[in-house]
Amino acid sequence: MKIAIAAVLTIVVGLGAVVGVYQFRESRMTPTDMVAMREAERKLAEAELASRSLEQTITPEAAEAASEVTETSQVEEAAPEVIEMAQAEEVAPPAREWKQVDAAGFSSTKPFFVKFACSNGDFVVEFNPEWAPNGAQRIHELVGIKFYDDCRFFRVIEGFMVQFGISGDPVLAAKWGRKNIEDDPVKESNKRGNVTFAMAGPNTRSTQLFINFGDNSRLDNSGFSPVGKVVEGLDIVDGIFSGYGGGRSEGGRGPDQGMMQSGGTKYLNEFFPKMDYIKKARFVVPVEVEAEDESESEAA
């Protein structure tokens, strides 16, 4: 830094001297003027030499900084969309906060949320009665009695879907497995993240659900009516253990559903110990919604 300042000052002084001398060229120059002009030219040459030496002695830190500036400029010119994506990620909204609530009365027009706390993480589903009123009412009832607690994800086919909903308690599985509900018209498509009842034909839905991994809209024409969608934790759903695949009848290594219903959790733990499972399923509400409800109540 000191060298740079000295060089600049020398150049300024030298230029000033040269200009001052050459301003007299139109008049008659004396020997003293000639000596002063040569001295000014000498100082200017010294200043230029010092400047060139300074350029050759740039510190490694300065060179690295210059390189970083150049690389940044190249990135900005070559890939502005990358910068836009990074900026978008910086301002991404935080994950929602959820609060567990007691079961409320079922509404045929109001969606409700269920948080599935699982062995590999948590996800939240919004169930919408307007999509499938019969299906939503059944799920509301099952969550209310804690039916899905300890249920295994027993059929996981990558790129297709993950299925669950057979109770680990054989008595409970038999009781509710026979309580079928009527079909709902298909109003929504079986797209990624949507939740749908499994069935064996018309009016055979009872407790089993599946979550679509991808676009399975081909199921729409077969009467599979989505009843809700994953609104948080879809990455957790994607990460559910899939090593057993489907059942043996479809080329997988998964369990037999008949054995599951009769043997329950004991059978699954013995022969399929790696299966992920639901620890508990509970009604929840977004914290901000609860705060708004409380404010309205106080105002009334």
Protein backbone atom coordinates (compact mmCIF):
# COMPACT_ATOMS: atom_id res chain seq x y z
CA MET A 1 0.00 0.00 0.00
CA LYS A 2 2.85 2.41 0.93
CA ILE A 3 4.60 1.64 -2.37
CA ALA A 4 1.43 2.33 -4.32
CA ILE A 5 0.90 5.69 -2.62
CA ALA A 6 4.53 6.67 -3.18
CA ALA A 7 4.34 5.72 -6.83
CA VAL A 8 1.17 7.72 -7.37
CA LEU A 9 2.61 10.77 -5.61
CA THR A 10 5.81 10.53 -7.62
CA ILE A 11 3.86 10.34 -10.89
CA VAL A 12 1.77 13.35 -9.90
CA VAL A 13 4.80 15.36 -8.91
CA GLY A 14 6.63 14.35 -12.05
CA LEU A 15 3.75 15.26 -14.34
CA GLY A 16 3.35 18.57 -12.55
CA ALA A 17 6.98 19.37 -13.10
CA VAL A 18 6.89 18.44 -16.77
CA VAL A 19 3.76 20.45 -17.39
CA GLY A 20 5.21 23.40 -15.53
CA VAL A 21 8.36 23.32 -17.63
CA TYR A 22 6.65 22.82 -21.01
CA GLN A 23 4.36 25.74 -20.35
CA PHE A 24 7.44 27.90 -20.95
CA ARG A 25 8.37 26.39 -24.31
CA GLU A 26 6.56 29.13 -26.20
CA SER A 27 8.84 31.63 -24.51
CA ARG A 28 12.58 31.64 -24.53
CA MET A 29 14.10 28.90 -22.33
CA THR A 30 17.08 29.62 -20.13
CA PRO A 31 19.76 27.04 -19.11
CA THR A 32 18.08 26.85 -15.71
CA ASP A 33 14.80 25.93 -17.44
CA MET A 34 16.54 23.14 -19.36
CA VAL A 35 18.00 21.67 -16.16
CA ALA A 36 14.59 21.75 -14.49
CA MET A 37 12.94 20.02 -17.47
CA ARG A 38 15.49 17.20 -17.50
CA GLU A 39 15.08 16.72 -13.75
CA ALA A 40 11.28 16.48 -14.18
CA GLU A 41 11.66 13.90 -16.98
CA ARG A 42 14.00 11.85 -14.77
CA LYS A 43 11.47 11.82 -11.89
CA LEU A 44 8.67 10.79 -14.26
CA ALA A 45 10.74 7.85 -15.54
CA GLU A 46 11.45 6.75 -11.94
CA ALA A 47 7.75 6.90 -11.15
CA GLU A 48 6.82 4.74 -14.15
CA LEU A 49 9.49 2.18 -13.15
CA ALA A 50 8.13 2.06 -9.60
CA SER A 51 4.63 1.54 -10.92
CA ARG A 52 5.71 -1.42 -13.07
CA SER A 53 7.55 -2.96 -10.11
CA LEU A 54 4.43 -2.62 -8.00
CA GLU A 55 2.36 -4.53 -10.57
CA GLN A 56 4.88 -7.37 -10.52
CA THR A 57 4.79 -7.69 -6.70
CA ILE A 58 1.05 -8.21 -6.12
CA THR A 59 0.55 -10.33 -3.00
CA PRO A 60 -0.99 -13.84 -3.27
CA GLU A 61 -3.98 -12.60 -1.22
CA ALA A 62 -4.63 -9.80 -3.69
CA ALA A 63 -4.31 -12.18 -6.63
CA GLU A 64 -6.75 -14.63 -5.03
CA ALA A 65 -9.25 -11.84 -4.41
CA ALA A 66 -8.99 -10.73 -8.01
CA SER A 67 -9.52 -14.32 -9.15
CA GLU A 68 -12.63 -14.65 -6.98
CA VAL A 69 -14.08 -11.49 -8.45
CA THR A 70 -13.47 -12.80 -11.95
CA GLU A 71 -15.03 -16.19 -11.22
CA THR A 72 -18.06 -14.53 -9.63
CA SER A 73 -18.53 -12.33 -12.67
CA GLN A 74 -18.32 -15.36 -14.95
CA VAL A 75 -20.92 -17.22 -12.89
CA GLU A 76 -23.24 -14.24 -12.96
CA GLU A 77 -22.93 -14.00 -16.74
CA ALA A 78 -23.13 -17.74 -17.43
CA ALA A 79 -25.84 -18.85 -15.01
CA PRO A 80 -28.12 -16.08 -13.73
CA GLU A 81 -30.81 -18.68 -13.03
CA VAL A 82 -28.54 -20.29 -10.41
CA ILE A 83 -28.31 -16.98 -8.58
CA GLU A 84 -32.08 -16.56 -8.75
CA MET A 85 -32.57 -20.06 -7.28
CA ALA A 86 -30.13 -19.31 -4.45
CA GLN A 87 -31.92 -16.06 -3.69
CA ALA A 88 -35.26 -17.87 -3.68
CA GLU A 89 -33.92 -20.46 -1.23
CA GLU A 90 -32.74 -17.74 1.11
CA VAL A 91 -36.24 -16.29 1.41
CA ALA A 92 -38.07 -19.64 1.55
CA PRO A 93 -40.71 -19.67 4.31
CA PRO A 94 -39.97 -21.79 7.38
CA ALA A 95 -41.78 -25.07 8.01
CA ARG A 96 -45.19 -24.71 9.62
CA GLU A 97 -45.67 -25.40 13.31
CA TRP A 98 -48.35 -27.88 14.33
CA LYS A 99 -50.20 -28.35 17.58
CA GLN A 100 -51.92 -31.57 18.58
CA VAL A 101 -55.62 -31.18 19.34
CA ASP A 102 -58.40 -33.40 20.59
CA ALA A 103 -60.75 -34.93 18.06
CA ALA A 104 -63.42 -32.45 17.03
CA GLY A 105 -66.76 -33.23 15.45
CA PHE A 106 -66.55 -34.24 11.82
CA SER A 107 -67.51 -31.57 9.28
CA SER A 108 -68.55 -32.46 5.74
CA THR A 109 -67.11 -29.18 4.43
CA LYS A 110 -64.06 -28.47 6.61
CA PRO A 111 -60.70 -30.19 6.01
CA PHE A 112 -58.76 -31.62 8.94
CA PHE A 113 -55.07 -32.39 9.46
CA VAL A 114 -53.43 -35.55 10.78
CA LYS A 115 -49.78 -35.83 11.75
CA PHE A 116 -48.26 -39.27 11.27
CA ALA A 117 -45.26 -39.67 13.57
CA CYS A 118 -43.27 -42.52 12.02
CA SER A 119 -40.12 -44.50 12.66
CA ASN A 120 -38.28 -42.58 9.93
CA GLY A 121 -39.78 -39.12 10.53
CA ASP A 122 -43.08 -37.24 10.50
CA PHE A 123 -45.48 -36.16 7.78
CA VAL A 124 -48.81 -34.31 7.80
CA VAL A 125 -51.86 -35.06 5.66
CA GLU A 126 -54.74 -32.72 4.94
CA PHE A 127 -57.93 -34.76 4.53
CA ASN A 128 -60.67 -33.04 2.56
CA PRO A 129 -64.31 -34.16 2.92
CA GLU A 130 -65.20 -32.30 -0.26
CA TRP A 131 -62.95 -34.66 -2.20
CA ALA A 132 -64.38 -37.85 -0.69
CA PRO A 133 -66.91 -37.37 2.16
CA ASN A 134 -67.37 -41.07 3.01
CA GLY A 135 -63.65 -41.72 3.02
CA ALA A 136 -62.82 -38.60 5.06
CA GLN A 137 -65.41 -39.49 7.69
CA ARG A 138 -63.98 -43.01 8.05
CA ILE A 139 -60.44 -41.69 8.49
CA HIS A 140 -61.65 -39.16 11.03
CA GLU A 141 -63.22 -42.01 12.98
CA LEU A 142 -60.14 -44.25 12.77
CA VAL A 143 -57.71 -41.53 13.87
CA GLY A 144 -60.06 -40.74 16.75
CA ILE A 145 -59.73 -44.30 18.13
CA LYS A 146 -55.94 -44.36 17.40
CA PHE A 147 -56.38 -47.18 14.90
CA TYR A 148 -53.29 -46.28 12.87
CA ASP A 149 -50.91 -46.38 15.84
CA ASP A 150 -48.21 -49.02 15.25
CA CYS A 151 -49.41 -49.79 11.71
CA ARG A 152 -46.67 -50.95 9.31
CA PHE A 153 -45.96 -49.66 5.80
CA PHE A 154 -46.27 -53.18 4.44
CA ARG A 155 -46.36 -52.56 0.68
CA VAL A 156 -43.84 -50.10 -0.74
CA ILE A 157 -43.32 -50.07 -4.49
CA GLU A 158 -40.83 -47.45 -5.67
CA GLY A 159 -42.24 -45.02 -8.20
CA PHE A 160 -45.79 -46.24 -7.52
CA MET A 161 -47.09 -46.04 -3.95
CA VAL A 162 -46.74 -46.94 -0.25
CA GLN A 163 -49.63 -48.79 1.46
CA PHE A 164 -50.61 -49.09 5.12
CA GLY A 165 -53.69 -49.50 7.33
CA ILE A 166 -53.80 -53.06 8.71
CA SER A 167 -53.80 -52.94 12.49
CA GLY A 168 -51.09 -54.82 14.37
CA ASP A 169 -53.82 -56.03 16.72
CA PRO A 170 -55.53 -59.01 14.98
CA VAL A 171 -58.81 -58.38 16.85
CA LEU A 172 -58.93 -54.74 15.78
CA ALA A 173 -57.87 -55.61 12.23
CA ALA A 174 -60.70 -58.17 11.90
CA LYS A 175 -63.32 -55.85 13.38
CA TRP A 176 -62.64 -52.86 11.17
CA GLY A 177 -61.58 -54.81 8.11
CA ARG A 178 -65.21 -55.90 7.69
CA LYS A 179 -66.68 -52.41 8.07
CA ASN A 180 -66.77 -51.34 4.45
CA ILE A 181 -67.93 -47.91 3.30
CA GLU A 182 -69.61 -46.83 0.09
CA ASP A 183 -67.52 -45.47 -2.74
CA ASP A 184 -67.02 -41.76 -3.36
CA PRO A 185 -67.04 -40.23 -6.85
CA VAL A 186 -63.53 -39.51 -8.10
CA LYS A 187 -63.09 -35.74 -7.88
CA GLU A 188 -59.30 -35.48 -7.62
CA SER A 189 -56.55 -37.32 -9.45
CA ASN A 190 -54.08 -39.82 -8.01
CA LYS A 191 -51.12 -37.53 -8.42
CA ARG A 192 -47.93 -37.41 -6.36
CA GLY A 193 -48.56 -36.96 -2.64
CA ASN A 194 -52.29 -37.66 -2.75
CA VAL A 195 -53.72 -40.20 -0.29
CA THR A 196 -56.31 -42.77 -1.40
CA PHE A 197 -58.15 -45.77 0.00
CA ALA A 198 -57.05 -49.22 -1.18
CA MET A 199 -59.91 -51.50 -2.22
CA ALA A 200 -60.73 -54.85 -3.79
CA GLY A 201 -63.69 -53.69 -5.88
CA PRO A 202 -66.79 -51.49 -5.55
CA ASN A 203 -67.75 -50.51 -1.99
CA THR A 204 -64.91 -52.46 -0.32
CA ARG A 205 -62.96 -49.61 1.30
CA SER A 206 -62.38 -50.04 5.02
CA THR A 207 -59.05 -49.04 6.65
CA GLN A 208 -56.19 -49.38 4.17
CA LEU A 209 -54.69 -46.30 2.53
CA PHE A 210 -51.92 -45.63 0.06
CA ILE A 211 -49.85 -42.55 -0.80
CA ASN A 212 -48.93 -41.96 -4.44
CA PHE A 213 -45.21 -41.65 -5.10
CA GLY A 214 -45.80 -40.36 -8.64
CA ASP A 215 -48.51 -39.59 -11.16
CA ASN A 216 -50.91 -42.53 -10.97
CA SER A 217 -53.80 -40.84 -12.75
CA ARG A 218 -54.47 -44.15 -14.56
CA LEU A 219 -56.14 -45.26 -11.30
CA ASP A 220 -58.79 -42.54 -11.54
CA ASN A 221 -60.97 -44.43 -14.01
CA SER A 222 -60.93 -47.50 -11.72
CA GLY A 223 -62.73 -45.67 -8.92
CA PHE A 224 -59.76 -44.85 -6.65
CA SER A 225 -60.87 -41.57 -5.12
CA PRO A 226 -58.18 -39.49 -3.34
CA VAL A 227 -59.27 -38.29 0.07
CA GLY A 228 -56.36 -36.04 1.02
CA LYS A 229 -52.82 -34.94 0.30
CA VAL A 230 -49.47 -34.78 2.08
CA VAL A 231 -48.85 -31.13 2.91
CA GLU A 232 -45.62 -31.58 4.86
CA GLY A 233 -42.93 -34.27 4.99
CA LEU A 234 -43.27 -35.72 1.50
CA ASP A 235 -39.54 -36.41 1.66
CA ILE A 236 -40.22 -38.60 4.71
CA VAL A 237 -42.80 -40.53 2.70
CA ASP A 238 -40.24 -40.96 -0.10
CA GLY A 239 -37.77 -42.36 2.44
CA ILE A 240 -39.99 -45.11 3.83
CA PHE A 241 -38.14 -48.45 3.69
CA SER A 242 -38.88 -50.16 0.39
CA GLY A 243 -36.56 -53.16 0.57
CA TYR A 244 -39.38 -55.72 0.78
CA GLY A 245 -41.33 -54.25 -2.14
CA GLY A 246 -44.79 -55.65 -2.79
CA GLY A 247 -46.29 -59.01 -1.97
CA ARG A 248 -44.93 -62.28 -3.33
CA SER A 249 -47.81 -62.55 -5.78
CA GLU A 250 -46.50 -59.40 -7.52
CA GLY A 251 -42.82 -60.34 -7.45
CA GLY A 252 -41.89 -58.71 -4.15
CA ARG A 253 -40.68 -60.05 -0.80
CA GLY A 254 -43.39 -58.38 1.28
CA PRO A 255 -45.78 -60.03 3.75
CA ASP A 256 -48.98 -61.90 3.03
CA GLN A 257 -51.95 -59.75 4.06
CA GLY A 258 -53.80 -62.76 5.45
CA MET A 259 -50.85 -63.55 7.71
CA MET A 260 -50.67 -59.91 8.76
CA GLN A 261 -54.31 -59.89 9.83
CA SER A 262 -53.95 -63.09 11.83
CA GLY A 263 -50.41 -62.71 13.14
CA GLY A 264 -50.32 -58.93 13.67
CA THR A 265 -47.24 -57.06 14.81
CA LYS A 266 -45.59 -60.20 16.19
CA TYR A 267 -45.53 -61.79 12.74
CA LEU A 268 -44.19 -58.63 11.08
CA ASN A 269 -41.48 -58.03 13.68
CA GLU A 270 -40.20 -61.58 13.29
CA PHE A 271 -40.10 -61.79 9.50
CA PHE A 272 -39.98 -58.14 8.38
CA PRO A 273 -37.98 -56.28 11.05
CA LYS A 274 -36.85 -53.45 8.76
CA MET A 275 -40.35 -52.18 7.99
CA ASP A 276 -41.00 -48.56 8.86
CA TYR A 277 -44.16 -47.95 10.83
CA ILE A 278 -46.49 -45.30 12.25
CA LYS A 279 -45.78 -44.62 15.92
CA LYS A 280 -48.94 -42.58 16.28
CA ALA A 281 -51.43 -40.59 14.19
CA ARG A 282 -53.03 -37.54 15.81
CA PHE A 283 -55.19 -34.60 14.83
CA VAL A 284 -53.22 -31.35 14.53
CA VAL A 285 -53.81 -27.76 13.51
CA PRO A 286 -51.37 -25.14 12.20
CA VAL A 287 -50.31 -22.88 15.06
CA GLU A 288 -51.21 -19.72 13.15
CA VAL A 289 -54.75 -20.98 12.56
CA GLU A 290 -55.21 -21.69 16.26
CA ALA A 291 -53.99 -18.18 17.09
CA GLU A 292 -56.51 -16.68 14.67
CA ASP A 293 -59.34 -18.72 16.22
CA GLU A 294 -58.40 -17.55 19.71
CA SER A 295 -58.34 -13.92 18.56
CA GLU A 296 -61.80 -14.24 17.02
CA SER A 297 -63.09 -15.86 20.22
CA GLU A 298 -61.72 -13.02 22.38
CA ALA A 299 -63.20 -10.41 20.04
CA ALA A 300 -66.65 -12.02 20.27
